[in-house]
C-alpha cells in the first residue's frame, strides 16, 4: 500500500472500521473511501456493484457487519445470517469484478467450535458444533472466510481473513440490551455509581473467561497484516491472555470507583466457557498488542463519558 492507494473502509463508523480509519490517517493515507449505510446499503447487490464500478478502490478493509452481544445474536437470528451474508457476498464479489489489489475480511472468534480446545488455534475451524446463541453470525463469518479462500483459489485474488478476539474501545456500543460484555459492564457500573445502587447484577456465574483487545490495537494489527500477510485460511488477532468475567467486573468496578457489591444472575445465559485465542501465528510474524486491559478500560470509559452521557 502506498500513500496514494485508494482504500475503501467498509463500516468506517463502527468501532473496528473507525479504528482502522484513524490508523490509516495517522500513517499519512489521504485517499480513504467511506460511505455511511444510508449512502450505500451493502446488503444491496446493485448499489455495491455501482459503487465499486464507479470508485475502483485498490484496497478494501471489510469491517462492516451486523453485530451485537449474546441477546441480539439470539433474538435477531435471521437478520444476523442474512445481513452478514449479503454484505460480504456483495463486497467480496464486487472487489473481484473490479480488480481490487487486496481485501481484508474481518471475522470474529465466535467462528470456533463451542468446545474447541484452548487456546483456539486457526486450524480448529469447523472441527465441532458452534455456540448455539450466535450460530447464525458465526456461520456467516465462516462463509466469508471460505469465500475469500475460494476467490483466492479460483481467481488468484489476494484476499485475507483476520479473526479478532473480543474487542472494546472508542465508538463501542453501550446499548442496555444489545452490547457486548465489557461495554455492558462499564455502563452498568457507571449507572449504579451515579444512582448510588447498593449492588450490580451481572449475567451468568462469572466463571467464563474472555480475552479482550483494544480496537486501536486491532487496527494496528490490520495495517501490519495488510502489508505483511498473504495466505489462505485465517489469522487470529488477540492478546493471548484472558480473565474471568468475575475478575473483569472487579476491574471495571475498581476503575470506575464503584463502592457497592456484585451479584451474579445464574438464570441468564453466559455463552462459551472460554474463548482464548492462540496468537502465536501473529506473534511469529512480528506483531504484538501494546495497550493493556486496565489502560484500555480507562480509555474506553473516558470515551463513554464523552459520547454516551446526555
C-alpha atoms as a PDB file:
ATOM      1  CA  UNK A   1       0.000   0.000   0.000  1.00  0.00           C
ATOM      2  CA  UNK A   2       1.477   3.339  -0.965  1.00  0.00           C
ATOM      3  CA  UNK A   3       0.171   6.652   0.366  1.00  0.00           C
ATOM      4  CA  UNK A   4      -1.787   7.320  -2.848  1.00  0.00           C
ATOM      5  CA  UNK A   5      -3.649   3.997  -2.782  1.00  0.00           C
ATOM      6  CA  UNK A   6      -7.417   4.339  -2.779  1.00  0.00           C
ATOM      7  CA  UNK A   7      -8.591   2.452   0.293  1.00  0.00           C
ATOM      8  CA  UNK A   8     -12.226   1.597   0.987  1.00  0.00           C
ATOM      9  CA  UNK A   9     -13.113   1.047   4.641  1.00  0.00           C
ATOM     10  CA  UNK A  10     -16.487  -0.706   4.778  1.00  0.00           C
ATOM     11  CA  UNK A  11     -18.072   0.004   8.143  1.00  0.00           C
ATOM     12  CA  UNK A  12     -15.993   3.104   8.937  1.00  0.00           C
ATOM     13  CA  UNK A  13     -18.406   4.339  11.608  1.00  0.00           C
ATOM     14  CA  UNK A  14     -18.237   1.150  13.672  1.00  0.00           C
ATOM     15  CA  UNK A  15     -15.701   0.510  16.395  1.00  0.00           C
ATOM     16  CA  UNK A  16     -13.358  -1.517  14.167  1.00  0.00           C
ATOM     17  CA  UNK A  17     -13.779   0.493  10.979  1.00  0.00           C
ATOM     18  CA  UNK A  18     -13.261   3.823  12.750  1.00  0.00           C
ATOM     19  CA  UNK A  19     -10.092   2.476  14.407  1.00  0.00           C
ATOM     20  CA  UNK A  20      -8.746   1.351  11.007  1.00  0.00           C
ATOM     21  CA  UNK A  21      -9.632   4.761   9.556  1.00  0.00           C
ATOM     22  CA  UNK A  22      -7.744   6.547  12.363  1.00  0.00           C
ATOM     23  CA  UNK A  23      -4.745   4.286  11.924  1.00  0.00           C
ATOM     24  CA  UNK A  24      -4.530   4.898   8.157  1.00  0.00           C
ATOM     25  CA  UNK A  25      -4.974   8.643   8.654  1.00  0.00           C
ATOM     26  CA  UNK A  26      -2.205   8.661  11.246  1.00  0.00           C
ATOM     27  CA  UNK A  27       0.054   6.789   8.807  1.00  0.00           C
ATOM     28  CA  UNK A  28      -0.443   9.529   6.219  1.00  0.00           C
ATOM     29  CA  UNK A  29      -3.015   7.941   3.893  1.00  0.00           C
ATOM     30  CA  UNK A  30      -5.334  10.569   2.417  1.00  0.00           C
ATOM     31  CA  UNK A  31      -7.257   8.691  -0.279  1.00  0.00           C
ATOM     32  CA  UNK A  32      -9.698   6.992   2.105  1.00  0.00           C
ATOM     33  CA  UNK A  33     -13.078   5.989   0.769  1.00  0.00           C
ATOM     34  CA  UNK A  34     -16.115   5.769   3.055  1.00  0.00           C
ATOM     35  CA  UNK A  35     -19.890   5.576   2.794  1.00  0.00           C
ATOM     36  CA  UNK A  36     -22.480   5.529   5.548  1.00  0.00           C
ATOM     37  CA  UNK A  37     -25.114   2.800   5.454  1.00  0.00           C
ATOM     38  CA  UNK A  38     -27.649   5.476   4.451  1.00  0.00           C
ATOM     39  CA  UNK A  39     -25.483   6.360   1.422  1.00  0.00           C
ATOM     40  CA  UNK A  40     -24.666   2.770   0.488  1.00  0.00           C
ATOM     41  CA  UNK A  41     -26.622  -0.279   1.642  1.00  0.00           C
ATOM     42  CA  UNK A  42     -24.044  -3.069   1.462  1.00  0.00           C
ATOM     43  CA  UNK A  43     -26.866  -5.627   1.522  1.00  0.00           C
ATOM     44  CA  UNK A  44     -27.996  -4.303  -1.854  1.00  0.00           C
ATOM     45  CA  UNK A  45     -26.120  -6.029  -4.673  1.00  0.00           C
ATOM     46  CA  UNK A  46     -26.786  -3.349  -7.292  1.00  0.00           C
ATOM     47  CA  UNK A  47     -25.751  -0.477  -5.023  1.00  0.00           C
ATOM     48  CA  UNK A  48     -22.484  -2.231  -4.154  1.00  0.00           C
ATOM     49  CA  UNK A  49     -21.778  -3.117  -7.800  1.00  0.00           C
ATOM     50  CA  UNK A  50     -22.342   0.501  -8.870  1.00  0.00           C
ATOM     51  CA  UNK A  51     -20.161   1.856  -6.050  1.00  0.00           C
ATOM     52  CA  UNK A  52     -17.202  -0.402  -6.900  1.00  0.00           C
ATOM     53  CA  UNK A  53     -17.512   0.241 -10.651  1.00  0.00           C
ATOM     54  CA  UNK A  54     -17.504   3.981 -10.035  1.00  0.00           C
ATOM     55  CA  UNK A  55     -14.842   4.248  -7.301  1.00  0.00           C
ATOM     56  CA  UNK A  56     -12.452   1.380  -8.188  1.00  0.00           C
ATOM     57  CA  UNK A  57     -10.726   1.072  -4.785  1.00  0.00           C
ATOM     58  CA  UNK A  58      -7.249  -0.500  -4.642  1.00  0.00           C
ATOM     59  CA  UNK A  59      -7.608  -1.932  -1.149  1.00  0.00           C
ATOM     60  CA  UNK A  60     -10.637  -2.963   0.903  1.00  0.00           C
ATOM     61  CA  UNK A  61     -10.991  -3.410   4.660  1.00  0.00           C
ATOM     62  CA  UNK A  62     -14.287  -5.274   5.111  1.00  0.00           C
ATOM     63  CA  UNK A  63     -15.207  -4.239   8.653  1.00  0.00           C
ATOM     64  CA  UNK A  64     -18.930  -3.766   8.004  1.00  0.00           C
ATOM     65  CA  UNK A  65     -21.210  -6.275   9.715  1.00  0.00           C
ATOM     66  CA  UNK A  66     -24.371  -6.614  11.736  1.00  0.00           C
ATOM     67  CA  UNK A  67     -23.001  -7.216  15.219  1.00  0.00           C
ATOM     68  CA  UNK A  68     -24.241  -7.456  18.792  1.00  0.00           C
ATOM     69  CA  UNK A  69     -23.989  -9.279  22.086  1.00  0.00           C
ATOM     70  CA  UNK A  70     -25.499 -12.578  23.195  1.00  0.00           C
ATOM     71  CA  UNK A  71     -29.096 -11.243  23.346  1.00  0.00           C
ATOM     72  CA  UNK A  72     -29.013  -9.535  19.945  1.00  0.00           C
ATOM     73  CA  UNK A  73     -27.410 -12.571  18.303  1.00  0.00           C
ATOM     74  CA  UNK A  74     -30.023 -14.913  19.709  1.00  0.00           C
ATOM     75  CA  UNK A  75     -33.002 -12.610  19.083  1.00  0.00           C
ATOM     76  CA  UNK A  76     -32.289 -11.485  15.507  1.00  0.00           C
ATOM     77  CA  UNK A  77     -31.039 -14.815  14.187  1.00  0.00           C
ATOM     78  CA  UNK A  78     -32.383 -14.367  10.646  1.00  0.00           C
ATOM     79  CA  UNK A  79     -31.086 -10.779  10.397  1.00  0.00           C
ATOM     80  CA  UNK A  80     -27.615 -11.754  11.585  1.00  0.00           C
ATOM     81  CA  UNK A  81     -27.357 -14.519   8.989  1.00  0.00           C
ATOM     82  CA  UNK A  82     -28.976 -12.726   6.040  1.00  0.00           C
ATOM     83  CA  UNK A  83     -27.451  -9.276   6.505  1.00  0.00           C
ATOM     84  CA  UNK A  84     -23.906 -10.515   7.051  1.00  0.00           C
ATOM     85  CA  UNK A  85     -24.020 -12.952   4.129  1.00  0.00           C
ATOM     86  CA  UNK A  86     -25.342 -10.201   1.856  1.00  0.00           C
ATOM     87  CA  UNK A  87     -22.738  -7.650   2.951  1.00  0.00           C
ATOM     88  CA  UNK A  88     -19.743  -9.922   2.476  1.00  0.00           C
ATOM     89  CA  UNK A  89     -21.017 -11.592  -0.708  1.00  0.00           C
ATOM     90  CA  UNK A  90     -21.551  -8.231  -2.360  1.00  0.00           C
ATOM     91  CA  UNK A  91     -18.285  -6.620  -1.238  1.00  0.00           C
ATOM     92  CA  UNK A  92     -16.067  -9.639  -1.941  1.00  0.00           C
ATOM     93  CA  UNK A  93     -17.588 -10.334  -5.362  1.00  0.00           C
ATOM     94  CA  UNK A  94     -17.507  -6.675  -6.426  1.00  0.00           C
ATOM     95  CA  UNK A  95     -13.884  -6.471  -5.269  1.00  0.00           C
ATOM     96  CA  UNK A  96     -13.086  -9.374  -7.604  1.00  0.00           C
ATOM     97  CA  UNK A  97     -15.020  -7.876 -10.543  1.00  0.00           C
ATOM     98  CA  UNK A  98     -13.260  -4.529 -10.162  1.00  0.00           C
ATOM     99  CA  UNK A  99      -9.706  -5.765  -9.710  1.00  0.00           C
ATOM    100  CA  UNK A 100      -9.154  -4.823  -6.059  1.00  0.00           C
ATOM    101  CA  UNK A 101      -5.467  -5.444  -5.250  1.00  0.00           C
ATOM    102  CA  UNK A 102      -6.080  -6.800  -1.774  1.00  0.00           C
ATOM    103  CA  UNK A 103      -9.029  -7.301   0.566  1.00  0.00           C
ATOM    104  CA  UNK A 104      -9.106  -7.984   4.295  1.00  0.00           C
ATOM    105  CA  UNK A 105     -12.162  -9.744   5.697  1.00  0.00           C
ATOM    106  CA  UNK A 106     -12.750  -9.287   9.424  1.00  0.00           C
ATOM    107  CA  UNK A 107     -14.457 -12.088  11.299  1.00  0.00           C
ATOM    108  CA  UNK A 108     -14.791 -12.980  14.954  1.00  0.00           C
ATOM    109  CA  UNK A 109     -13.566 -15.535  17.471  1.00  0.00           C
ATOM    110  CA  UNK A 110     -17.117 -16.953  17.633  1.00  0.00           C
ATOM    111  CA  UNK A 111     -16.360 -18.907  14.416  1.00  0.00           C
ATOM    112  CA  UNK A 112     -14.646 -21.577  16.527  1.00  0.00           C
ATOM    113  CA  UNK A 113     -16.461 -24.642  17.905  1.00  0.00           C
ATOM    114  CA  UNK A 114     -18.027 -24.107  21.332  1.00  0.00           C
ATOM    115  CA  UNK A 115     -15.955 -26.801  22.999  1.00  0.00           C
ATOM    116  CA  UNK A 116     -12.744 -26.429  20.982  1.00  0.00           C
ATOM    117  CA  UNK A 117      -9.507 -26.931  22.931  1.00  0.00           C
ATOM    118  CA  UNK A 118      -7.952 -23.797  24.411  1.00  0.00           C
ATOM    119  CA  UNK A 119      -6.217 -21.703  23.281  1.00  0.00           C
ATOM    120  CA  UNK A 120      -8.006 -21.555  19.909  1.00  0.00           C
ATOM    121  CA  UNK A 121      -5.717 -22.363  17.008  1.00  0.00           C
ATOM    122  CA  UNK A 122      -6.607 -21.310  13.461  1.00  0.00           C
ATOM    123  CA  UNK A 123      -6.916 -24.918  12.312  1.00  0.00           C
ATOM    124  CA  UNK A 124      -9.704 -25.671  14.832  1.00  0.00           C
ATOM    125  CA  UNK A 125     -12.183 -24.073  12.421  1.00  0.00           C
ATOM    126  CA  UNK A 126     -15.056 -26.451  11.528  1.00  0.00           C
ATOM    127  CA  UNK A 127     -13.946 -29.203  13.912  1.00  0.00           C
ATOM    128  CA  UNK A 128     -17.116 -29.186  16.041  1.00  0.00           C
ATOM    129  CA  UNK A 129     -20.542 -27.630  16.760  1.00  0.00           C
ATOM    130  CA  UNK A 130     -20.815 -23.867  17.307  1.00  0.00           C
ATOM    131  CA  UNK A 131     -22.147 -21.958  20.300  1.00  0.00           C
ATOM    132  CA  UNK A 132     -25.918 -22.056  19.747  1.00  0.00           C
ATOM    133  CA  UNK A 133     -26.728 -18.449  20.680  1.00  0.00           C
ATOM    134  CA  UNK A 134     -24.529 -16.883  17.992  1.00  0.00           C
ATOM    135  CA  UNK A 135     -24.525 -19.663  15.406  1.00  0.00           C
ATOM    136  CA  UNK A 136     -26.119 -17.565  12.594  1.00  0.00           C
ATOM    137  CA  UNK A 137     -23.454 -14.864  12.930  1.00  0.00           C
ATOM    138  CA  UNK A 138     -20.676 -17.455  13.124  1.00  0.00           C
ATOM    139  CA  UNK A 139     -21.977 -19.309  10.059  1.00  0.00           C
ATOM    140  CA  UNK A 140     -21.957 -16.064   8.067  1.00  0.00           C
ATOM    141  CA  UNK A 141     -18.388 -15.275   9.136  1.00  0.00           C
ATOM    142  CA  UNK A 142     -17.196 -18.807   8.326  1.00  0.00           C
ATOM    143  CA  UNK A 143     -18.788 -18.409   4.881  1.00  0.00           C
ATOM    144  CA  UNK A 144     -16.805 -15.166   4.475  1.00  0.00           C
ATOM    145  CA  UNK A 145     -13.514 -16.891   5.270  1.00  0.00           C
ATOM    146  CA  UNK A 146     -14.295 -19.693   2.835  1.00  0.00           C
ATOM    147  CA  UNK A 147     -15.379 -17.193   0.199  1.00  0.00           C
ATOM    148  CA  UNK A 148     -12.048 -15.344   0.435  1.00  0.00           C
ATOM    149  CA  UNK A 149     -10.242 -18.687   0.130  1.00  0.00           C
ATOM    150  CA  UNK A 150     -12.388 -19.722  -2.840  1.00  0.00           C
ATOM    151  CA  UNK A 151     -11.739 -16.476  -4.746  1.00  0.00           C
ATOM    152  CA  UNK A 152      -8.045 -16.873  -3.960  1.00  0.00           C
ATOM    153  CA  UNK A 153      -8.053 -20.484  -5.241  1.00  0.00           C
ATOM    154  CA  UNK A 154     -10.161 -19.920  -8.365  1.00  0.00           C
ATOM    155  CA  UNK A 155      -9.218 -16.382  -9.396  1.00  0.00           C
ATOM    156  CA  UNK A 156      -5.903 -15.733  -7.635  1.00  0.00           C
ATOM    157  CA  UNK A 157      -7.403 -12.935  -5.535  1.00  0.00           C
ATOM    158  CA  UNK A 158      -5.251 -11.697  -2.658  1.00  0.00           C
ATOM    159  CA  UNK A 159      -7.979 -11.841  -0.013  1.00  0.00           C
ATOM    160  CA  UNK A 160      -7.057 -12.466   3.626  1.00  0.00           C
ATOM    161  CA  UNK A 161      -9.161 -13.204   6.719  1.00  0.00           C
ATOM    162  CA  UNK A 162      -8.476 -11.830  10.178  1.00  0.00           C
ATOM    163  CA  UNK A 163     -10.234 -13.109  13.320  1.00  0.00           C
ATOM    164  CA  UNK A 164     -10.151 -10.678  16.251  1.00  0.00           C
ATOM    165  CA  UNK A 165     -10.881 -11.679  19.812  1.00  0.00           C
ATOM    166  CA  UNK A 166     -13.416  -9.703  21.912  1.00  0.00           C
ATOM    167  CA  UNK A 167     -12.935  -6.011  21.151  1.00  0.00           C
ATOM    168  CA  UNK A 168     -13.627  -2.810  23.047  1.00  0.00           C
ATOM    169  CA  UNK A 169     -12.585   0.814  22.738  1.00  0.00           C
ATOM    170  CA  UNK A 170     -13.632   4.073  21.104  1.00  0.00           C
ATOM    171  CA  UNK A 171     -17.068   4.130  19.413  1.00  0.00           C
ATOM    172  CA  UNK A 172     -18.175   0.991  21.233  1.00  0.00           C
ATOM    173  CA  UNK A 173     -21.860   0.106  21.571  1.00  0.00           C
ATOM    174  CA  UNK A 174     -23.203   0.677  25.090  1.00  0.00           C
ATOM    175  CA  UNK A 175     -26.811  -0.268  24.360  1.00  0.00           C
ATOM    176  CA  UNK A 176     -28.503  -1.685  27.509  1.00  0.00           C
ATOM    177  CA  UNK A 177     -29.621  -4.892  25.734  1.00  0.00           C
ATOM    178  CA  UNK A 178     -27.504  -5.286  22.590  1.00  0.00           C
ATOM    179  CA  UNK A 179     -23.972  -4.556  23.787  1.00  0.00           C
ATOM    180  CA  UNK A 180     -21.069  -6.920  24.467  1.00  0.00           C
ATOM    181  CA  UNK A 181     -19.922  -7.815  27.963  1.00  0.00           C
ATOM    182  CA  UNK A 182     -17.237  -5.187  28.618  1.00  0.00           C
ATOM    183  CA  UNK A 183     -19.167  -2.107  27.441  1.00  0.00           C
ATOM    184  CA  UNK A 184     -22.233  -3.511  29.211  1.00  0.00           C
ATOM    185  CA  UNK A 185     -20.258  -3.679  32.465  1.00  0.00           C
ATOM    186  CA  UNK A 186     -18.921  -0.143  32.003  1.00  0.00           C
ATOM    187  CA  UNK A 187     -22.443   1.179  31.532  1.00  0.00           C
ATOM    188  CA  UNK A 188     -23.887  -0.866  34.400  1.00  0.00           C
ATOM    189  CA  UNK A 189     -21.236   0.136  36.935  1.00  0.00           C
ATOM    190  CA  UNK A 190     -21.387   3.767  35.823  1.00  0.00           C
ATOM    191  CA  UNK A 191     -25.166   3.909  36.266  1.00  0.00           C
ATOM    192  CA  UNK A 192     -25.008   2.100  39.611  1.00  0.00           C
ATOM    193  CA  UNK A 193     -22.396   4.589  40.831  1.00  0.00           C
ATOM    194  CA  UNK A 194     -24.474   7.569  39.629  1.00  0.00           C
ATOM    195  CA  UNK A 195     -27.651   6.225  41.234  1.00  0.00           C
ATOM    196  CA  UNK A 196     -25.996   5.030  44.420  1.00  0.00           C
ATOM    197  CA  UNK A 197     -27.242   1.488  43.803  1.00  0.00           C
ATOM    198  CA  UNK A 198     -26.071  -0.954  46.506  1.00  0.00           C
ATOM    199  CA  UNK A 199     -25.381  -3.825  44.100  1.00  0.00           C
ATOM    200  CA  UNK A 200     -24.712  -4.523  40.411  1.00  0.00           C
ATOM    201  CA  UNK A 201     -26.222  -7.671  38.912  1.00  0.00           C
ATOM    202  CA  UNK A 202     -24.207  -9.465  36.238  1.00  0.00           C
ATOM    203  CA  UNK A 203     -25.433 -12.186  33.901  1.00  0.00           C
ATOM    204  CA  UNK A 204     -24.249 -15.748  34.415  1.00  0.00           C
ATOM    205  CA  UNK A 205     -21.950 -17.227  37.016  1.00  0.00           C
ATOM    206  CA  UNK A 206     -18.913 -15.018  36.457  1.00  0.00           C
ATOM    207  CA  UNK A 207     -16.741 -18.062  35.711  1.00  0.00           C
ATOM    208  CA  UNK A 208     -16.488 -17.920  31.864  1.00  0.00           C
ATOM    209  CA  UNK A 209     -13.169 -16.482  30.729  1.00  0.00           C
ATOM    210  CA  UNK A 210     -12.734 -13.907  27.990  1.00  0.00           C
ATOM    211  CA  UNK A 211      -9.876 -12.206  26.181  1.00  0.00           C
ATOM    212  CA  UNK A 212     -10.089  -8.507  25.285  1.00  0.00           C
ATOM    213  CA  UNK A 213      -8.244  -6.441  22.698  1.00  0.00           C
ATOM    214  CA  UNK A 214      -8.414  -2.666  22.379  1.00  0.00           C
ATOM    215  CA  UNK A 215      -9.793  -1.807  18.925  1.00  0.00           C
ATOM    216  CA  UNK A 216      -6.871   0.504  18.108  1.00  0.00           C
ATOM    217  CA  UNK A 217      -4.525  -2.431  18.685  1.00  0.00           C
ATOM    218  CA  UNK A 218      -6.613  -4.446  16.214  1.00  0.00           C
ATOM    219  CA  UNK A 219      -6.336  -1.590  13.702  1.00  0.00           C
ATOM    220  CA  UNK A 220      -2.551  -1.611  14.090  1.00  0.00           C
ATOM    221  CA  UNK A 221      -2.550  -5.382  13.505  1.00  0.00           C
ATOM    222  CA  UNK A 222      -4.762  -4.993  10.414  1.00  0.00           C
ATOM    223  CA  UNK A 223      -2.439  -2.351   8.991  1.00  0.00           C
ATOM    224  CA  UNK A 224       0.543  -4.615   9.637  1.00  0.00           C
ATOM    225  CA  UNK A 225      -1.119  -7.717   8.154  1.00  0.00           C
ATOM    226  CA  UNK A 226      -2.396  -5.889   5.063  1.00  0.00           C
ATOM    227  CA  UNK A 227       1.249  -5.252   4.234  1.00  0.00           C
ATOM    228  CA  UNK A 228       2.885  -8.436   5.520  1.00  0.00           C
ATOM    229  CA  UNK A 229       0.401 -11.321   5.292  1.00  0.00           C
ATOM    230  CA  UNK A 230      -0.767 -13.162   2.199  1.00  0.00           C
ATOM    231  CA  UNK A 231      -2.223 -16.602   2.864  1.00  0.00           C
ATOM    232  CA  UNK A 232      -5.451 -18.532   2.657  1.00  0.00           C
ATOM    233  CA  UNK A 233      -7.191 -19.554   5.877  1.00  0.00           C
ATOM    234  CA  UNK A 234      -7.208 -17.075   8.726  1.00  0.00           C
ATOM    235  CA  UNK A 235      -5.030 -15.398  11.310  1.00  0.00           C
ATOM    236  CA  UNK A 236      -6.087 -14.787  14.928  1.00  0.00           C
ATOM    237  CA  UNK A 237      -5.630 -11.324  16.421  1.00  0.00           C
ATOM    238  CA  UNK A 238      -5.681 -11.065  20.201  1.00  0.00           C
ATOM    239  CA  UNK A 239      -3.548 -10.725  23.306  1.00  0.00           C
ATOM    240  CA  UNK A 240      -3.185 -14.403  24.203  1.00  0.00           C
ATOM    241  CA  UNK A 241      -4.333 -13.587  27.746  1.00  0.00           C
ATOM    242  CA  UNK A 242      -7.781 -13.884  29.322  1.00  0.00           C
ATOM    243  CA  UNK A 243      -9.594 -13.409  32.627  1.00  0.00           C
ATOM    244  CA  UNK A 244     -12.892 -14.467  34.188  1.00  0.00           C
ATOM    245  CA  UNK A 245     -15.999 -12.293  33.897  1.00  0.00           C
ATOM    246  CA  UNK A 246     -15.874 -12.006  37.700  1.00  0.00           C
ATOM    247  CA  UNK A 247     -12.329 -10.607  37.577  1.00  0.00           C
ATOM    248  CA  UNK A 248     -13.297  -8.334  34.686  1.00  0.00           C
ATOM    249  CA  UNK A 249     -16.232  -6.991  36.724  1.00  0.00           C
ATOM    250  CA  UNK A 250     -13.935  -6.334  39.687  1.00  0.00           C
ATOM    251  CA  UNK A 251     -11.505  -4.483  37.408  1.00  0.00           C
ATOM    252  CA  UNK A 252     -14.253  -2.293  35.893  1.00  0.00           C
ATOM    253  CA  UNK A 253     -15.641  -1.663  39.387  1.00  0.00           C
ATOM    254  CA  UNK A 254     -12.206  -0.527  40.568  1.00  0.00           C
ATOM    255  CA  UNK A 255     -11.523   1.723  37.566  1.00  0.00           C
ATOM    256  CA  UNK A 256     -14.938   3.405  37.788  1.00  0.00           C
ATOM    257  CA  UNK A 257     -14.737   3.774  41.562  1.00  0.00           C
ATOM    258  CA  UNK A 258     -17.996   1.958  42.347  1.00  0.00           C
ATOM    259  CA  UNK A 259     -18.316   1.165  46.058  1.00  0.00           C
ATOM    260  CA  UNK A 260     -21.219  -1.320  46.057  1.00  0.00           C
ATOM    261  CA  UNK A 261     -21.396  -5.070  45.697  1.00  0.00           C
ATOM    262  CA  UNK A 262     -21.649  -7.529  42.797  1.00  0.00           C
ATOM    263  CA  UNK A 263     -24.115 -10.400  42.407  1.00  0.00           C
ATOM    264  CA  UNK A 264     -24.481 -12.949  39.623  1.00  0.00           C
ATOM    265  CA  UNK A 265     -27.764 -13.994  37.999  1.00  0.00           C
ATOM    266  CA  UNK A 266     -27.120 -17.634  37.101  1.00  0.00           C
ATOM    267  CA  UNK A 267     -30.506 -17.931  35.370  1.00  0.00           C
ATOM    268  CA  UNK A 268     -29.107 -15.852  32.489  1.00  0.00           C
ATOM    269  CA  UNK A 269     -27.053 -17.258  29.564  1.00  0.00           C
ATOM    270  CA  UNK A 270     -23.306 -16.823  29.568  1.00  0.00           C
ATOM    271  CA  UNK A 271     -22.058 -18.366  26.312  1.00  0.00           C
ATOM    272  CA  UNK A 272     -18.915 -20.383  25.773  1.00  0.00           C
ATOM    273  CA  UNK A 273     -16.912 -21.312  28.918  1.00  0.00           C
ATOM    274  CA  UNK A 274     -13.691 -19.938  27.417  1.00  0.00           C
ATOM    275  CA  UNK A 275     -12.547 -18.280  24.192  1.00  0.00           C
ATOM    276  CA  UNK A 276      -8.803 -17.694  24.383  1.00  0.00           C
ATOM    277  CA  UNK A 277      -7.007 -17.142  21.077  1.00  0.00           C
ATOM    278  CA  UNK A 278      -3.747 -18.797  20.155  1.00  0.00           C
ATOM    279  CA  UNK A 279      -1.892 -15.796  18.722  1.00  0.00           C
ATOM    280  CA  UNK A 280       1.443 -17.497  18.076  1.00  0.00           C
ATOM    281  CA  UNK A 281       0.948 -17.229  14.296  1.00  0.00           C
ATOM    282  CA  UNK A 282       0.606 -13.441  14.621  1.00  0.00           C
ATOM    283  CA  UNK A 283       3.438 -13.106  17.158  1.00  0.00           C
ATOM    284  CA  UNK A 284       5.722 -15.165  14.921  1.00  0.00           C
ATOM    285  CA  UNK A 285       5.071 -12.623  12.173  1.00  0.00           C
ATOM    286  CA  UNK A 286       6.333  -9.830  14.367  1.00  0.00           C
ATOM    287  CA  UNK A 287       3.238  -8.115  15.780  1.00  0.00           C
ATOM    288  CA  UNK A 288       2.036  -7.827  19.385  1.00  0.00           C
ATOM    289  CA  UNK A 289      -0.550  -5.662  21.132  1.00  0.00           C
ATOM    290  CA  UNK A 290       0.575  -2.619  23.130  1.00  0.00           C
ATOM    291  CA  UNK A 291      -2.475  -1.492  25.140  1.00  0.00           C
ATOM    292  CA  UNK A 292      -3.049  -3.390  28.399  1.00  0.00           C
ATOM    293  CA  UNK A 293      -6.555  -4.121  29.696  1.00  0.00           C
ATOM    294  CA  UNK A 294      -6.580  -1.659  32.606  1.00  0.00           C
ATOM    295  CA  UNK A 295      -5.227   1.166  30.428  1.00  0.00           C
ATOM    296  CA  UNK A 296      -7.708   0.269  27.676  1.00  0.00           C
ATOM    297  CA  UNK A 297     -10.724   0.247  30.001  1.00  0.00           C
ATOM    298  CA  UNK A 298      -9.733   3.707  31.285  1.00  0.00           C
ATOM    299  CA  UNK A 299      -9.578   4.998  27.692  1.00  0.00           C
ATOM    300  CA  UNK A 300     -12.913   3.344  26.848  1.00  0.00           C
ATOM    301  CA  UNK A 301     -14.563   4.814  29.950  1.00  0.00           C
ATOM    302  CA  UNK A 302     -13.393   8.325  29.040  1.00  0.00           C
ATOM    303  CA  UNK A 303     -14.909   7.785  25.584  1.00  0.00           C
ATOM    304  CA  UNK A 304     -18.143   6.527  27.174  1.00  0.00           C
ATOM    305  CA  UNK A 305     -18.367   9.613  29.381  1.00  0.00           C
ATOM    306  CA  UNK A 306     -17.758  11.887  26.402  1.00  0.00           C
ATOM    307  CA  UNK A 307     -20.219  10.266  23.993  1.00  0.00           C
ATOM    308  CA  UNK A 308     -22.899   8.460  25.992  1.00  0.00           C
ATOM    309  CA  UNK A 309     -23.750  10.765  28.865  1.00  0.00           C
ATOM    310  CA  UNK A 310     -26.507  13.188  27.927  1.00  0.00           C
END
